[in-house]
Every structure is written in C-alpha cells, then in structure tokens.
C-alpha cells in the first residue's frame, strides 16, 4: 500500500494548536488590496487567526491525513 500524501496547498493554509484545533486566516484579509474603504477596526480583526468550522475540519482531515491520526 502506498503512503498517504498530504495536499501541500491545504497544509500551508492551516495550522494546529496544542489542543488539536485547526486555525486559518480570516477571509477578505488581503493586506494590500482595497484598504481605503475598510475601517481600521475591520482591518485589525483580519490579523487574527480563526478556528476552522466543524464541516471544513472534516474536509481538511481528508486532505491532511496526519491531522486525523
């Protein structure tokens, strides 16, 4: 049986915490694109990492087999 390979694009976009939660960057957070209309509060919130939802978590575990183990 061949080894299970990780989807590299998925693994570069997600990081895990010590307790096993998956974190991702918030959407619409392109730091250099169309910033004038976005409020400072909104731009500040984009910096934080967000926990991945449960449905997406199941999908990511298929893409990154080492997360499910």
N, C-alpha and C. Protein backbone atom coordinates (compact mmCIF):
# COMPACT_ATOMS: atom_id res chain seq x y z
N UNK A 1 0.85 -1.18 0.00
CA UNK A 1 0.00 0.00 0.00
C UNK A 1 0.89 1.24 0.00
N UNK A 2 0.66 2.19 -0.90
CA UNK A 2 1.49 3.40 -0.92
C UNK A 2 1.17 4.33 0.25
N UNK A 3 2.10 5.21 0.51
CA UNK A 3 1.90 6.19 1.59
C UNK A 3 0.78 7.16 1.23
N UNK A 4 0.10 7.68 2.25
CA UNK A 4 -0.91 8.71 2.02
C UNK A 4 -0.20 10.05 1.94
N UNK A 5 -0.44 10.78 0.87
CA UNK A 5 0.25 12.05 0.69
C UNK A 5 -0.63 13.21 1.15
N UNK A 6 0.03 14.22 1.70
CA UNK A 6 -0.64 15.43 2.15
C UNK A 6 -0.82 16.38 0.97
N UNK A 7 -1.98 17.03 0.90
CA UNK A 7 -2.17 18.11 -0.07
C UNK A 7 -1.41 19.32 0.46
N UNK A 8 -0.31 19.66 -0.18
CA UNK A 8 0.58 20.70 0.34
C UNK A 8 -0.10 22.06 0.40
N UNK A 9 -0.97 22.35 -0.55
CA UNK A 9 -1.65 23.66 -0.55
C UNK A 9 -2.52 23.81 0.69
N UNK A 10 -3.17 22.72 1.12
CA UNK A 10 -4.01 22.77 2.31
C UNK A 10 -3.17 22.91 3.57
N UNK A 11 -2.05 22.19 3.63
CA UNK A 11 -1.23 22.22 4.85
C UNK A 11 -0.57 23.58 5.05
N UNK A 12 -0.35 24.32 3.97
CA UNK A 12 0.26 25.65 4.10
C UNK A 12 -0.74 26.69 4.59
N UNK A 13 -2.03 26.41 4.46
CA UNK A 13 -3.07 27.37 4.84
C UNK A 13 -3.63 27.15 6.24
N UNK A 14 -3.27 26.05 6.88
CA UNK A 14 -3.85 25.68 8.17
C UNK A 14 -2.75 25.42 9.16
N UNK A 15 -2.97 25.82 10.41
CA UNK A 15 -2.03 25.45 11.47
C UNK A 15 -2.81 24.90 12.65
N UNK A 16 -2.16 24.03 13.41
CA UNK A 16 -2.84 23.37 14.52
C UNK A 16 -2.38 23.95 15.85
N UNK A 17 -3.28 23.95 16.82
CA UNK A 17 -2.94 24.38 18.17
C UNK A 17 -2.51 23.15 18.96
N UNK A 18 -2.07 23.36 20.17
CA UNK A 18 -1.65 22.26 21.02
C UNK A 18 -2.79 21.32 21.36
N UNK A 19 -4.02 21.86 21.46
CA UNK A 19 -5.17 21.03 21.80
C UNK A 19 -5.78 20.36 20.58
N UNK A 20 -5.24 20.63 19.39
CA UNK A 20 -5.72 19.95 18.19
C UNK A 20 -6.70 20.73 17.35
N UNK A 21 -6.98 21.99 17.72
CA UNK A 21 -7.87 22.81 16.90
C UNK A 21 -7.13 23.25 15.64
N UNK A 22 -7.88 23.50 14.58
CA UNK A 22 -7.30 23.98 13.33
C UNK A 22 -7.57 25.48 13.21
N UNK A 23 -6.55 26.24 12.86
CA UNK A 23 -6.69 27.68 12.70
C UNK A 23 -6.42 28.05 11.25
N UNK A 24 -7.14 29.05 10.77
CA UNK A 24 -6.93 29.56 9.42
C UNK A 24 -6.96 31.07 9.46
N UNK A 25 -6.49 31.68 8.39
CA UNK A 25 -6.54 33.14 8.29
C UNK A 25 -7.96 33.54 7.89
N UNK A 26 -8.41 34.70 8.33
CA UNK A 26 -9.77 35.12 8.00
C UNK A 26 -9.85 35.52 6.54
N UNK A 27 -11.02 35.35 5.96
CA UNK A 27 -11.20 35.69 4.56
C UNK A 27 -11.29 37.21 4.38
N UNK A 28 -11.11 37.68 3.18
CA UNK A 28 -11.09 39.10 2.82
C UNK A 28 -9.96 39.85 3.52
N UNK A 29 -8.88 39.17 3.86
CA UNK A 29 -7.83 39.81 4.64
C UNK A 29 -6.60 40.13 3.79
N UNK A 30 -6.78 40.28 2.49
CA UNK A 30 -5.66 40.67 1.65
C UNK A 30 -5.11 42.00 2.14
N UNK A 31 -3.92 41.99 2.69
CA UNK A 31 -3.39 43.14 3.42
C UNK A 31 -3.14 44.36 2.54
N UNK A 32 -3.00 44.16 1.26
CA UNK A 32 -2.55 45.26 0.41
C UNK A 32 -3.61 45.70 -0.60
N UNK A 33 -4.84 45.19 -0.49
CA UNK A 33 -5.78 45.35 -1.58
C UNK A 33 -7.05 46.08 -1.12
N UNK A 34 -7.35 47.22 -1.73
CA UNK A 34 -8.56 48.00 -1.45
C UNK A 34 -8.75 48.25 0.04
N UNK A 35 -7.84 48.98 0.64
CA UNK A 35 -7.87 49.19 2.08
C UNK A 35 -8.59 50.47 2.50
N UNK A 36 -8.76 51.41 1.60
CA UNK A 36 -9.33 52.70 1.99
C UNK A 36 -10.76 52.57 2.50
N UNK A 37 -11.54 51.69 1.90
CA UNK A 37 -12.95 51.57 2.29
C UNK A 37 -13.13 50.72 3.54
N UNK A 38 -12.09 50.00 3.96
CA UNK A 38 -12.21 49.14 5.15
C UNK A 38 -11.81 49.92 6.40
N UNK A 39 -12.60 49.78 7.44
CA UNK A 39 -12.35 50.53 8.68
C UNK A 39 -11.14 49.94 9.40
N UNK A 40 -10.46 50.75 10.21
CA UNK A 40 -9.31 50.25 10.97
C UNK A 40 -9.66 49.07 11.87
N UNK A 41 -10.86 49.11 12.46
CA UNK A 41 -11.30 48.01 13.33
C UNK A 41 -11.41 46.71 12.52
N UNK A 42 -11.96 46.82 11.34
CA UNK A 42 -12.12 45.65 10.48
C UNK A 42 -10.77 45.10 10.03
N UNK A 43 -9.85 46.00 9.68
CA UNK A 43 -8.52 45.56 9.24
C UNK A 43 -7.75 44.91 10.38
N UNK A 44 -7.95 45.39 11.60
CA UNK A 44 -7.30 44.81 12.77
C UNK A 44 -7.80 43.39 13.02
N UNK A 45 -9.10 43.18 12.85
CA UNK A 45 -9.69 41.86 13.08
C UNK A 45 -9.18 40.84 12.07
N UNK A 46 -8.81 41.29 10.88
CA UNK A 46 -8.30 40.38 9.86
C UNK A 46 -6.98 39.73 10.28
N UNK A 47 -6.23 40.37 11.17
CA UNK A 47 -4.92 39.85 11.58
C UNK A 47 -5.03 38.55 12.37
N UNK A 48 -6.14 38.38 13.10
CA UNK A 48 -6.28 37.23 13.97
C UNK A 48 -6.58 35.97 13.17
N UNK A 49 -6.16 34.84 13.71
CA UNK A 49 -6.49 33.56 13.11
C UNK A 49 -7.83 33.09 13.65
N UNK A 50 -8.58 32.39 12.82
CA UNK A 50 -9.92 31.94 13.17
C UNK A 50 -9.94 30.42 13.19
N UNK A 51 -10.74 29.86 14.09
CA UNK A 51 -10.86 28.40 14.15
C UNK A 51 -11.69 27.91 12.95
N UNK A 52 -11.27 26.79 12.38
CA UNK A 52 -11.95 26.20 11.24
C UNK A 52 -13.26 25.57 11.71
N UNK A 53 -14.34 25.72 10.93
CA UNK A 53 -15.63 25.17 11.30
C UNK A 53 -15.59 23.64 11.25
N UNK A 54 -16.55 23.02 11.91
CA UNK A 54 -16.54 21.55 12.03
C UNK A 54 -16.69 20.87 10.67
N UNK A 55 -17.51 21.42 9.77
CA UNK A 55 -17.67 20.83 8.44
C UNK A 55 -16.39 20.91 7.63
N UNK A 56 -15.73 22.06 7.70
CA UNK A 56 -14.47 22.22 6.97
C UNK A 56 -13.37 21.38 7.60
N UNK A 57 -13.46 21.18 8.91
CA UNK A 57 -12.45 20.38 9.61
C UNK A 57 -12.44 18.95 9.07
N UNK A 58 -13.64 18.37 8.86
CA UNK A 58 -13.74 17.01 8.32
C UNK A 58 -13.09 16.94 6.93
N UNK A 59 -13.33 17.98 6.12
CA UNK A 59 -12.78 18.00 4.77
C UNK A 59 -11.25 18.14 4.81
N UNK A 60 -10.76 18.97 5.74
CA UNK A 60 -9.31 19.17 5.84
C UNK A 60 -8.58 17.92 6.32
N UNK A 61 -9.23 17.13 7.17
CA UNK A 61 -8.59 15.92 7.66
C UNK A 61 -8.37 14.93 6.51
N UNK A 62 -9.27 14.95 5.52
CA UNK A 62 -9.06 14.11 4.33
C UNK A 62 -7.87 14.60 3.51
N UNK A 63 -7.70 15.92 3.45
CA UNK A 63 -6.61 16.50 2.67
C UNK A 63 -5.26 16.37 3.38
N UNK A 64 -5.30 16.42 4.72
CA UNK A 64 -4.08 16.35 5.51
C UNK A 64 -4.21 15.15 6.46
N UNK A 65 -3.82 13.97 6.02
CA UNK A 65 -4.06 12.75 6.81
C UNK A 65 -3.40 12.78 8.20
N UNK A 66 -2.31 13.48 8.36
CA UNK A 66 -1.61 13.49 9.64
C UNK A 66 -2.44 14.18 10.74
N UNK A 67 -3.43 14.99 10.37
CA UNK A 67 -4.29 15.66 11.36
C UNK A 67 -5.24 14.67 12.03
N UNK A 68 -5.72 13.70 11.26
CA UNK A 68 -6.68 12.75 11.79
C UNK A 68 -6.08 11.70 12.70
N UNK A 69 -4.77 11.50 12.60
CA UNK A 69 -4.13 10.44 13.39
C UNK A 69 -3.97 10.83 14.84
